């Protein structure tokens, strides 16, 4: 089992999620729970498609760190 970093951004009326280690793997949803479930499914389908097409699946390598700043 692998764990990929997922970035969730506010996209106006909804949220958008993408996976830095899997270019082109994106999804959207209206809540954090919905976009998380959707990107989970997107990752599985993306990896399955890569395998089906004989492409090498990149291992997770991105790291997410929250940095606190005073504004």
PDB file of N, CA and C in Angstrom:
ATOM      1  N   UNK A   1       0.843  -1.167   0.000  1.00  0.00           N
ATOM      2  CA  UNK A   1       0.000   0.000   0.000  1.00  0.00           C
ATOM      3  C   UNK A   1       0.897   1.242   0.000  1.00  0.00           C
ATOM      4  N   UNK A   2       0.541   2.222  -0.809  1.00  0.00           N
ATOM      5  CA  UNK A   2       1.290   3.470  -0.897  1.00  0.00           C
ATOM      6  C   UNK A   2       0.426   4.628  -0.425  1.00  0.00           C
ATOM      7  N   UNK A   3       1.077   5.668   0.068  1.00  0.00           N
ATOM      8  CA  UNK A   3       0.381   6.887   0.476  1.00  0.00           C
ATOM      9  C   UNK A   3       0.936   8.047  -0.336  1.00  0.00           C
ATOM     10  N   UNK A   4       0.083   8.647  -1.170  1.00  0.00           N
ATOM     11  CA  UNK A   4       0.473   9.769  -1.999  1.00  0.00           C
ATOM     12  C   UNK A   4       0.016  11.077  -1.351  1.00  0.00           C
ATOM     13  N   UNK A   5       0.856  12.108  -1.443  1.00  0.00           N
ATOM     14  CA  UNK A   5       0.480  13.436  -0.977  1.00  0.00           C
ATOM     15  C   UNK A   5      -0.603  13.978  -1.905  1.00  0.00           C
ATOM     16  N   UNK A   6      -1.619  14.585  -1.309  1.00  0.00           N
ATOM     17  CA  UNK A   6      -2.720  15.185  -2.058  1.00  0.00           C
ATOM     18  C   UNK A   6      -2.834  16.646  -1.634  1.00  0.00           C
ATOM     19  N   UNK A   7      -2.930  17.535  -2.606  1.00  0.00           N
ATOM     20  CA  UNK A   7      -3.122  18.952  -2.341  1.00  0.00           C
ATOM     21  C   UNK A   7      -4.582  19.286  -2.633  1.00  0.00           C
ATOM     22  N   UNK A   8      -5.232  19.931  -1.673  1.00  0.00           N
ATOM     23  CA  UNK A   8      -6.624  20.361  -1.846  1.00  0.00           C
ATOM     24  C   UNK A   8      -6.637  21.877  -1.848  1.00  0.00           C
ATOM     25  N   UNK A   9      -7.239  22.456  -2.892  1.00  0.00           N
ATOM     26  CA  UNK A   9      -7.296  23.904  -3.034  1.00  0.00           C
ATOM     27  C   UNK A   9      -8.738  24.367  -3.187  1.00  0.00           C
ATOM     28  N   UNK A  10      -8.998  25.580  -2.730  1.00  0.00           N
ATOM     29  CA  UNK A  10     -10.300  26.212  -2.923  1.00  0.00           C
ATOM     30  C   UNK A  10     -10.387  26.637  -4.387  1.00  0.00           C
ATOM     31  N   UNK A  11     -11.404  26.173  -5.078  1.00  0.00           N
ATOM     32  CA  UNK A  11     -11.571  26.500  -6.494  1.00  0.00           C
ATOM     33  C   UNK A  11     -12.855  27.288  -6.731  1.00  0.00           C
ATOM     34  N   UNK A  12     -13.194  28.140  -5.798  1.00  0.00           N
ATOM     35  CA  UNK A  12     -14.416  28.940  -5.944  1.00  0.00           C
ATOM     36  C   UNK A  12     -15.607  28.219  -5.365  1.00  0.00           C
ATOM     37  N   UNK A  13     -16.484  27.725  -6.226  1.00  0.00           N
ATOM     38  CA  UNK A  13     -17.678  27.054  -5.692  1.00  0.00           C
ATOM     39  C   UNK A  13     -17.417  25.627  -5.187  1.00  0.00           C
ATOM     40  N   UNK A  14     -16.230  25.122  -5.422  1.00  0.00           N
ATOM     41  CA  UNK A  14     -15.916  23.758  -4.975  1.00  0.00           C
ATOM     42  C   UNK A  14     -14.445  23.667  -4.575  1.00  0.00           C
ATOM     43  N   UNK A  15     -14.004  22.456  -4.287  1.00  0.00           N
ATOM     44  CA  UNK A  15     -12.610  22.190  -3.945  1.00  0.00           C
ATOM     45  C   UNK A  15     -11.996  21.345  -5.053  1.00  0.00           C
ATOM     46  N   UNK A  16     -10.720  21.542  -5.284  1.00  0.00           N
ATOM     47  CA  UNK A  16      -9.993  20.774  -6.292  1.00  0.00           C
ATOM     48  C   UNK A  16      -8.838  20.060  -5.597  1.00  0.00           C
ATOM     49  N   UNK A  17      -8.581  18.824  -5.977  1.00  0.00           N
ATOM     50  CA  UNK A  17      -7.477  18.058  -5.404  1.00  0.00           C
ATOM     51  C   UNK A  17      -6.596  17.542  -6.530  1.00  0.00           C
ATOM     52  N   UNK A  18      -5.292  17.510  -6.257  1.00  0.00           N
ATOM     53  CA  UNK A  18      -4.363  16.929  -7.223  1.00  0.00           C
ATOM     54  C   UNK A  18      -3.236  16.223  -6.487  1.00  0.00           C
ATOM     55  N   UNK A  19      -2.548  15.337  -7.228  1.00  0.00           N
ATOM     56  CA  UNK A  19      -1.480  14.513  -6.666  1.00  0.00           C
ATOM     57  C   UNK A  19      -0.181  14.883  -7.362  1.00  0.00           C
ATOM     58  N   UNK A  20       0.738  15.578  -6.660  1.00  0.00           N
ATOM     59  CA  UNK A  20       1.983  16.006  -7.314  1.00  0.00           C
ATOM     60  C   UNK A  20       2.795  14.875  -7.941  1.00  0.00           C
ATOM     61  N   UNK A  21       2.749  13.690  -7.353  1.00  0.00           N
ATOM     62  CA  UNK A  21       3.537  12.569  -7.872  1.00  0.00           C
ATOM     63  C   UNK A  21       2.865  11.838  -9.036  1.00  0.00           C
ATOM     64  N   UNK A  22       1.606  12.175  -9.321  1.00  0.00           N
ATOM     65  CA  UNK A  22       0.875  11.538 -10.425  1.00  0.00           C
ATOM     66  C   UNK A  22       0.301  12.631 -11.324  1.00  0.00           C
ATOM     67  N   UNK A  23       1.127  13.219 -12.189  1.00  0.00           N
ATOM     68  CA  UNK A  23       0.651  14.301 -13.045  1.00  0.00           C
ATOM     69  C   UNK A  23      -0.616  13.917 -13.807  1.00  0.00           C
ATOM     70  N   UNK A  24      -1.583  14.820 -13.777  1.00  0.00           N
ATOM     71  CA  UNK A  24      -2.850  14.578 -14.459  1.00  0.00           C
ATOM     72  C   UNK A  24      -3.900  13.942 -13.582  1.00  0.00           C
ATOM     73  N   UNK A  25      -3.537  13.559 -12.382  1.00  0.00           N
ATOM     74  CA  UNK A  25      -4.492  12.935 -11.468  1.00  0.00           C
ATOM     75  C   UNK A  25      -5.135  14.035 -10.629  1.00  0.00           C
ATOM     76  N   UNK A  26      -6.371  14.388 -10.986  1.00  0.00           N
ATOM     77  CA  UNK A  26      -7.095  15.473 -10.329  1.00  0.00           C
ATOM     78  C   UNK A  26      -8.530  15.052 -10.061  1.00  0.00           C
ATOM     79  N   UNK A  27      -9.155  15.769  -9.146  1.00  0.00           N
ATOM     80  CA  UNK A  27     -10.568  15.540  -8.867  1.00  0.00           C
ATOM     81  C   UNK A  27     -11.129  16.773  -8.184  1.00  0.00           C
ATOM     82  N   UNK A  28     -12.441  16.767  -7.966  1.00  0.00           N
ATOM     83  CA  UNK A  28     -13.100  17.906  -7.332  1.00  0.00           C
ATOM     84  C   UNK A  28     -14.235  17.411  -6.454  1.00  0.00           C
ATOM     85  N   UNK A  29     -14.713  18.303  -5.600  1.00  0.00           N
ATOM     86  CA  UNK A  29     -15.840  17.996  -4.735  1.00  0.00           C
ATOM     87  C   UNK A  29     -16.244  19.247  -3.990  1.00  0.00           C
ATOM     88  N   UNK A  30     -17.394  19.201  -3.336  1.00  0.00           N
ATOM     89  CA  UNK A  30     -17.903  20.380  -2.637  1.00  0.00           C
ATOM     90  C   UNK A  30     -17.514  20.423  -1.167  1.00  0.00           C
ATOM     91  N   UNK A  31     -17.067  19.301  -0.618  1.00  0.00           N
ATOM     92  CA  UNK A  31     -16.621  19.256   0.772  1.00  0.00           C
ATOM     93  C   UNK A  31     -15.279  18.536   0.819  1.00  0.00           C
ATOM     94  N   UNK A  32     -14.564  18.692   1.930  1.00  0.00           N
ATOM     95  CA  UNK A  32     -13.288  17.987   2.085  1.00  0.00           C
ATOM     96  C   UNK A  32     -13.509  16.484   2.010  1.00  0.00           C
ATOM     97  N   UNK A  33     -14.588  16.019   2.629  1.00  0.00           N
ATOM     98  CA  UNK A  33     -14.875  14.583   2.612  1.00  0.00           C
ATOM     99  C   UNK A  33     -15.143  14.094   1.192  1.00  0.00           C
ATOM    100  N   UNK A  34     -15.912  14.874   0.429  1.00  0.00           N
ATOM    101  CA  UNK A  34     -16.238  14.474  -0.939  1.00  0.00           C
ATOM    102  C   UNK A  34     -15.011  14.500  -1.840  1.00  0.00           C
ATOM    103  N   UNK A  35     -14.214  15.560  -1.770  1.00  0.00           N
ATOM    104  CA  UNK A  35     -13.038  15.641  -2.637  1.00  0.00           C
ATOM    105  C   UNK A  35     -12.008  14.578  -2.246  1.00  0.00           C
ATOM    106  N   UNK A  36     -11.928  14.250  -0.960  1.00  0.00           N
ATOM    107  CA  UNK A  36     -11.005  13.201  -0.525  1.00  0.00           C
ATOM    108  C   UNK A  36     -11.423  11.843  -1.074  1.00  0.00           C
ATOM    109  N   UNK A  37     -12.707  11.534  -0.998  1.00  0.00           N
ATOM    110  CA  UNK A  37     -13.200  10.271  -1.557  1.00  0.00           C
ATOM    111  C   UNK A  37     -12.994  10.238  -3.072  1.00  0.00           C
ATOM    112  N   UNK A  38     -13.244  11.362  -3.727  1.00  0.00           N
ATOM    113  CA  UNK A  38     -13.100  11.417  -5.183  1.00  0.00           C
ATOM    114  C   UNK A  38     -11.646  11.266  -5.622  1.00  0.00           C
ATOM    115  N   UNK A  39     -10.710  11.918  -4.912  1.00  0.00           N
ATOM    116  CA  UNK A  39      -9.301  11.805  -5.319  1.00  0.00           C
ATOM    117  C   UNK A  39      -8.777  10.407  -5.010  1.00  0.00           C
ATOM    118  N   UNK A  40      -9.292   9.780  -3.980  1.00  0.00           N
ATOM    119  CA  UNK A  40      -8.897   8.389  -3.675  1.00  0.00           C
ATOM    120  C   UNK A  40      -9.251   7.491  -4.860  1.00  0.00           C
ATOM    121  N   UNK A  41     -10.477   7.636  -5.344  1.00  0.00           N
ATOM    122  CA  UNK A  41     -10.912   6.850  -6.502  1.00  0.00           C
ATOM    123  C   UNK A  41     -10.085   7.222  -7.741  1.00  0.00           C
ATOM    124  N   UNK A  42      -9.808   8.523  -7.923  1.00  0.00           N
ATOM    125  CA  UNK A  42      -9.031   8.970  -9.080  1.00  0.00           C
ATOM    126  C   UNK A  42      -7.620   8.377  -9.063  1.00  0.00           C
ATOM    127  N   UNK A  43      -7.005   8.316  -7.878  1.00  0.00           N
ATOM    128  CA  UNK A  43      -5.662   7.733  -7.765  1.00  0.00           C
ATOM    129  C   UNK A  43      -5.695   6.261  -8.173  1.00  0.00           C
ATOM    130  N   UNK A  44      -6.663   5.521  -7.660  1.00  0.00           N
ATOM    131  CA  UNK A  44      -6.759   4.099  -8.009  1.00  0.00           C
ATOM    132  C   UNK A  44      -6.944   3.909  -9.505  1.00  0.00           C
ATOM    133  N   UNK A  45      -7.825   4.700 -10.124  1.00  0.00           N
ATOM    134  CA  UNK A  45      -8.062   4.586 -11.566  1.00  0.00           C
ATOM    135  C   UNK A  45      -6.843   5.032 -12.364  1.00  0.00           C
ATOM    136  N   UNK A  46      -6.180   6.078 -11.916  1.00  0.00           N
ATOM    137  CA  UNK A  46      -4.994   6.585 -12.600  1.00  0.00           C
ATOM    138  C   UNK A  46      -3.892   5.528 -12.617  1.00  0.00           C
ATOM    139  N   UNK A  47      -3.642   4.930 -11.458  1.00  0.00           N
ATOM    140  CA  UNK A  47      -2.606   3.895 -11.364  1.00  0.00           C
ATOM    141  C   UNK A  47      -2.988   2.671 -12.200  1.00  0.00           C
ATOM    142  N   UNK A  48      -4.246   2.261 -12.141  1.00  0.00           N
ATOM    143  CA  UNK A  48      -4.703   1.115 -12.940  1.00  0.00           C
ATOM    144  C   UNK A  48      -4.500   1.382 -14.429  1.00  0.00           C
ATOM    145  N   UNK A  49      -4.783   2.603 -14.871  1.00  0.00           N
ATOM    146  CA  UNK A  49      -4.602   2.965 -16.276  1.00  0.00           C
ATOM    147  C   UNK A  49      -3.125   2.949 -16.659  1.00  0.00           C
ATOM    148  N   UNK A  50      -2.261   3.453 -15.769  1.00  0.00           N
ATOM    149  CA  UNK A  50      -0.830   3.432 -16.052  1.00  0.00           C
ATOM    150  C   UNK A  50      -0.328   2.000 -16.212  1.00  0.00           C
ATOM    151  N   UNK A  51      -0.754   1.125 -15.322  1.00  0.00           N
ATOM    152  CA  UNK A  51      -0.344  -0.283 -15.389  1.00  0.00           C
ATOM    153  C   UNK A  51      -0.852  -0.913 -16.679  1.00  0.00           C
ATOM    154  N   UNK A  52      -2.118  -0.640 -17.011  1.00  0.00           N
ATOM    155  CA  UNK A  52      -2.725  -1.200 -18.228  1.00  0.00           C
ATOM    156  C   UNK A  52      -1.965  -0.768 -19.483  1.00  0.00           C
ATOM    157  N   UNK A  53      -1.431   0.451 -19.464  1.00  0.00           N
ATOM    158  CA  UNK A  53      -0.711   0.966 -20.628  1.00  0.00           C
ATOM    159  C   UNK A  53       0.799   0.725 -20.551  1.00  0.00           C
ATOM    160  N   UNK A  54       1.225  -0.082 -19.583  1.00  0.00           N
ATOM    161  CA  UNK A  54       2.635  -0.439 -19.477  1.00  0.00           C
ATOM    162  C   UNK A  54       3.525   0.684 -18.982  1.00  0.00           C
ATOM    163  N   UNK A  55       2.937   1.691 -18.351  1.00  0.00           N
ATOM    164  CA  UNK A  55       3.725   2.797 -17.824  1.00  0.00           C
ATOM    165  C   UNK A  55       4.203   2.468 -16.410  1.00  0.00           C
ATOM    166  N   UNK A  56       5.354   3.023 -16.053  1.00  0.00           N
ATOM    167  CA  UNK A  56       5.882   2.833 -14.711  1.00  0.00           C
ATOM    168  C   UNK A  56       5.145   3.760 -13.746  1.00  0.00           C
ATOM    169  N   UNK A  57       4.660   3.214 -12.655  1.00  0.00           N
ATOM    170  CA  UNK A  57       3.956   4.005 -11.651  1.00  0.00           C
ATOM    171  C   UNK A  57       4.998   4.602 -10.708  1.00  0.00           C
ATOM    172  N   UNK A  58       5.050   5.939 -10.632  1.00  0.00           N
ATOM    173  CA  UNK A  58       6.047   6.549  -9.765  1.00  0.00           C
ATOM    174  C   UNK A  58       5.716   6.324  -8.293  1.00  0.00           C
ATOM    175  N   UNK A  59       6.717   6.039  -7.497  1.00  0.00           N
ATOM    176  CA  UNK A  59       6.463   5.877  -6.066  1.00  0.00           C
ATOM    177  C   UNK A  59       6.181   7.237  -5.439  1.00  0.00           C
ATOM    178  N   UNK A  60       5.475   7.251  -4.320  1.00  0.00           N
ATOM    179  CA  UNK A  60       5.255   8.527  -3.635  1.00  0.00           C
ATOM    180  C   UNK A  60       6.581   9.137  -3.206  1.00  0.00           C
ATOM    181  N   UNK A  61       6.765  10.419  -3.484  1.00  0.00           N
ATOM    182  CA  UNK A  61       8.005  11.074  -3.058  1.00  0.00           C
ATOM    183  C   UNK A  61       7.764  12.471  -2.500  1.00  0.00           C
ATOM    184  N   UNK A  62       6.614  13.055  -2.791  1.00  0.00           N
ATOM    185  CA  UNK A  62       6.316  14.402  -2.298  1.00  0.00           C
ATOM    186  C   UNK A  62       6.004  14.372  -0.812  1.00  0.00           C
ATOM    187  N   UNK A  63       6.374  15.452  -0.145  1.00  0.00           N
ATOM    188  CA  UNK A  63       6.071  15.607   1.275  1.00  0.00           C
ATOM    189  C   UNK A  63       5.286  16.900   1.456  1.00  0.00           C
ATOM    190  N   UNK A  64       4.389  16.908   2.410  1.00  0.00           N
ATOM    191  CA  UNK A  64       3.597  18.086   2.719  1.00  0.00           C
ATOM    192  C   UNK A  64       3.976  18.561   4.110  1.00  0.00           C
ATOM    193  N   UNK A  65       4.278  19.847   4.211  1.00  0.00           N
ATOM    194  CA  UNK A  65       4.621  20.454   5.484  1.00  0.00           C
ATOM    195  C   UNK A  65       3.831  21.747   5.604  1.00  0.00           C
ATOM    196  N   UNK A  66       3.191  21.958   6.728  1.00  0.00           N
ATOM    197  CA  UNK A  66       2.505  23.224   6.972  1.00  0.00           C
ATOM    198  C   UNK A  66       3.466  24.154   7.707  1.00  0.00           C
ATOM    199  N   UNK A  67       3.634  25.348   7.173  1.00  0.00           N
ATOM    200  CA  UNK A  67       4.559  26.318   7.751  1.00  0.00           C
ATOM    201  C   UNK A  67       3.742  27.489   8.294  1.00  0.00           C
ATOM    202  N   UNK A  68       3.866  27.749   9.568  1.00  0.00           N
ATOM    203  CA  UNK A  68       3.125  28.834  10.202  1.00  0.00           C
ATOM    204  C   UNK A  68       3.912  30.142  10.058  1.00  0.00           C
ATOM    205  N   UNK A  69       3.226  31.187   9.614  1.00  0.00           N
ATOM    206  CA  UNK A  69       3.846  32.502   9.495  1.00  0.00           C
ATOM    207  C   UNK A  69       2.961  33.535  10.172  1.00  0.00           C
ATOM    208  N   UNK A  70       3.554  34.608  10.621  1.00  0.00           N
ATOM    209  CA  UNK A  70       2.801  35.711  11.224  1.00  0.00           C
ATOM    210  C   UNK A  70       2.462  36.692  10.113  1.00  0.00           C
ATOM    211  N   UNK A  71       1.181  37.009  10.003  1.00  0.00           N
ATOM    212  CA  UNK A  71       0.808  37.948   8.936  1.00  0.00           C
ATOM    213  C   UNK A  71       0.247  39.225   9.508  1.00  0.00           C
TER     214      UNK A  71
END
